[in-house]
Amino acid sequence: MEDLKKYEEKAEKLKVISHPQRLCIVKGLIGNNCNVTKIQECLGLPQSTVSQHIAKLRTAGIIEGKRNGLEVCYKVVDDEVVDIINILFNSSKDICD
């Protein structure tokens, strides 16, 4: 049963990053710190939509935010997810350049 729990955890992580916009956010945050406004500008999405995606990624433990004055800068903290993104895209181009 313990092995099944590991599979469930991995599957849940994959579910969170499987949404195209969240996948793009995570890819862009690898090696970069960005705030919601910058991510919103890069993706052309409403701020509320970006905030919802950020909340799901934070809840899953994939990203963390650090407050800097009034803004929160996000970064990827899950090394497994970084490995998955690198395998999927095999490139270093990101949304926040």
C-alpha atoms as a PDB file:
ATOM      1  CA  MET A   1       0.000   0.000   0.000  1.00  0.00           C
ATOM      2  CA  GLU A   2       2.854   2.412   0.717  1.00  0.00           C
ATOM      3  CA  ASP A   3       4.057   2.103  -2.883  1.00  0.00           C
ATOM      4  CA  LEU A   4       0.577   3.055  -4.108  1.00  0.00           C
ATOM      5  CA  LYS A   5       0.783   6.237  -2.018  1.00  0.00           C
ATOM      6  CA  LYS A   6       3.993   7.210  -3.848  1.00  0.00           C
ATOM      7  CA  TYR A   7       2.262   6.719  -7.201  1.00  0.00           C
ATOM      8  CA  GLU A   8      -0.700   8.789  -6.064  1.00  0.00           C
ATOM      9  CA  GLU A   9       1.615  11.643  -5.007  1.00  0.00           C
ATOM     10  CA  LYS A  10       3.467  11.579  -8.328  1.00  0.00           C
ATOM     11  CA  ALA A  11       0.195  11.427 -10.276  1.00  0.00           C
ATOM     12  CA  GLU A  12      -1.164  14.422  -8.361  1.00  0.00           C
ATOM     13  CA  LYS A  13       1.971  16.423  -9.170  1.00  0.00           C
ATOM     14  CA  LEU A  14       1.599  15.540 -12.849  1.00  0.00           C
ATOM     15  CA  LYS A  15      -2.074  16.584 -12.774  1.00  0.00           C
ATOM     16  CA  VAL A  16      -1.163  20.002 -11.416  1.00  0.00           C
ATOM     17  CA  ILE A  17       1.447  20.724 -14.086  1.00  0.00           C
ATOM     18  CA  SER A  18      -0.550  19.138 -16.914  1.00  0.00           C
ATOM     19  CA  HIS A  19      -2.596  22.289 -17.545  1.00  0.00           C
ATOM     20  CA  PRO A  20      -0.971  24.159 -20.478  1.00  0.00           C
ATOM     21  CA  GLN A  21      -0.883  27.533 -18.733  1.00  0.00           C
ATOM     22  CA  ARG A  22       0.501  26.105 -15.488  1.00  0.00           C
ATOM     23  CA  LEU A  23       3.076  24.168 -17.492  1.00  0.00           C
ATOM     24  CA  CYS A  24       4.114  27.416 -19.169  1.00  0.00           C
ATOM     25  CA  ILE A  25       4.286  29.230 -15.819  1.00  0.00           C
ATOM     26  CA  VAL A  26       6.471  26.529 -14.279  1.00  0.00           C
ATOM     27  CA  LYS A  27       8.744  26.409 -17.318  1.00  0.00           C
ATOM     28  CA  GLY A  28       9.158  30.179 -17.173  1.00  0.00           C
ATOM     29  CA  LEU A  29       9.904  30.208 -13.464  1.00  0.00           C
ATOM     30  CA  ILE A  30      12.729  27.691 -13.669  1.00  0.00           C
ATOM     31  CA  GLY A  31      15.863  29.672 -12.921  1.00  0.00           C
ATOM     32  CA  ASN A  32      13.892  32.926 -12.649  1.00  0.00           C
ATOM     33  CA  ASN A  33      11.856  34.739 -10.063  1.00  0.00           C
ATOM     34  CA  CYS A  34       8.759  36.510 -11.379  1.00  0.00           C
ATOM     35  CA  ASN A  35       5.773  38.236  -9.858  1.00  0.00           C
ATOM     36  CA  VAL A  36       2.169  37.725 -10.958  1.00  0.00           C
ATOM     37  CA  THR A  37       2.182  40.916 -13.028  1.00  0.00           C
ATOM     38  CA  LYS A  38       5.200  39.786 -15.058  1.00  0.00           C
ATOM     39  CA  ILE A  39       3.728  36.311 -15.576  1.00  0.00           C
ATOM     40  CA  GLN A  40       0.426  37.895 -16.599  1.00  0.00           C
ATOM     41  CA  GLU A  41       2.172  40.111 -19.154  1.00  0.00           C
ATOM     42  CA  CYS A  42       4.163  37.201 -20.558  1.00  0.00           C
ATOM     43  CA  LEU A  43       1.105  34.971 -20.965  1.00  0.00           C
ATOM     44  CA  GLY A  44      -1.475  37.618 -21.827  1.00  0.00           C
ATOM     45  CA  LEU A  45      -3.874  36.277 -19.193  1.00  0.00           C
ATOM     46  CA  PRO A  46      -6.036  38.135 -16.672  1.00  0.00           C
ATOM     47  CA  GLN A  47      -4.417  38.632 -13.272  1.00  0.00           C
ATOM     48  CA  SER A  48      -7.142  36.591 -11.576  1.00  0.00           C
ATOM     49  CA  THR A  49      -6.470  33.607 -13.844  1.00  0.00           C
ATOM     50  CA  VAL A  50      -2.725  33.751 -13.189  1.00  0.00           C
ATOM     51  CA  SER A  51      -3.371  34.020  -9.444  1.00  0.00           C
ATOM     52  CA  GLN A  52      -5.571  30.893  -9.539  1.00  0.00           C
ATOM     53  CA  HIS A  53      -2.861  28.936 -11.344  1.00  0.00           C
ATOM     54  CA  ILE A  54      -0.217  30.207  -8.909  1.00  0.00           C
ATOM     55  CA  ALA A  55      -2.400  29.104  -5.978  1.00  0.00           C
ATOM     56  CA  LYS A  56      -2.664  25.558  -7.355  1.00  0.00           C
ATOM     57  CA  LEU A  57       1.088  25.363  -7.949  1.00  0.00           C
ATOM     58  CA  ARG A  58       1.811  26.670  -4.441  1.00  0.00           C
ATOM     59  CA  THR A  59      -0.639  24.272  -2.817  1.00  0.00           C
ATOM     60  CA  ALA A  60       1.081  21.378  -4.602  1.00  0.00           C
ATOM     61  CA  GLY A  61       4.471  22.555  -3.295  1.00  0.00           C
ATOM     62  CA  ILE A  62       5.836  23.111  -6.792  1.00  0.00           C
ATOM     63  CA  ILE A  63       6.508  26.831  -6.360  1.00  0.00           C
ATOM     64  CA  GLU A  64       7.074  29.185  -3.442  1.00  0.00           C
ATOM     65  CA  GLY A  65       6.606  32.894  -3.152  1.00  0.00           C
ATOM     66  CA  LYS A  66       8.810  35.367  -1.356  1.00  0.00           C
ATOM     67  CA  ARG A  67       7.411  38.768  -0.431  1.00  0.00           C
ATOM     68  CA  ASN A  68       9.460  41.784  -1.504  1.00  0.00           C
ATOM     69  CA  GLY A  69       7.592  44.892  -0.386  1.00  0.00           C
ATOM     70  CA  LEU A  70       4.185  44.815  -2.036  1.00  0.00           C
ATOM     71  CA  GLU A  71       5.012  42.126  -4.581  1.00  0.00           C
ATOM     72  CA  VAL A  72       5.540  38.399  -4.254  1.00  0.00           C
ATOM     73  CA  CYS A  73       8.207  36.794  -6.444  1.00  0.00           C
ATOM     74  CA  TYR A  74       7.720  33.129  -7.258  1.00  0.00           C
ATOM     75  CA  LYS A  75      10.234  30.390  -8.003  1.00  0.00           C
ATOM     76  CA  VAL A  76      10.146  26.646  -8.631  1.00  0.00           C
ATOM     77  CA  VAL A  77      11.240  24.645  -5.593  1.00  0.00           C
ATOM     78  CA  ASP A  78      10.373  21.101  -6.675  1.00  0.00           C
ATOM     79  CA  ASP A  79      13.408  19.453  -8.291  1.00  0.00           C
ATOM     80  CA  GLU A  80      11.330  16.584  -9.716  1.00  0.00           C
ATOM     81  CA  VAL A  81       9.193  19.077 -11.598  1.00  0.00           C
ATOM     82  CA  VAL A  82      12.310  20.844 -12.885  1.00  0.00           C
ATOM     83  CA  ASP A  83      13.553  17.486 -14.207  1.00  0.00           C
ATOM     84  CA  ILE A  84      10.182  16.792 -15.862  1.00  0.00           C
ATOM     85  CA  ILE A  85      10.129  20.207 -17.564  1.00  0.00           C
ATOM     86  CA  ASN A  86      13.719  19.797 -18.761  1.00  0.00           C
ATOM     87  CA  ILE A  87      12.873  16.404 -20.246  1.00  0.00           C
ATOM     88  CA  LEU A  88       9.711  17.712 -21.917  1.00  0.00           C
ATOM     89  CA  PHE A  89      11.257  20.821 -23.417  1.00  0.00           C
ATOM     90  CA  ASN A  90      14.987  20.138 -23.470  1.00  0.00           C
ATOM     91  CA  SER A  91      15.628  23.886 -23.647  1.00  0.00           C
ATOM     92  CA  SER A  92      16.294  26.878 -21.434  1.00  0.00           C
ATOM     93  CA  LYS A  93      13.991  29.474 -23.069  1.00  0.00           C
ATOM     94  CA  ASP A  94      11.481  30.932 -20.630  1.00  0.00           C
ATOM     95  CA  ILE A  95       8.489  33.259 -20.487  1.00  0.00           C
ATOM     96  CA  CYS A  96      10.074  35.911 -18.309  1.00  0.00           C
ATOM     97  CA  ASP A  97      12.925  37.040 -20.563  1.00  0.00           C
END
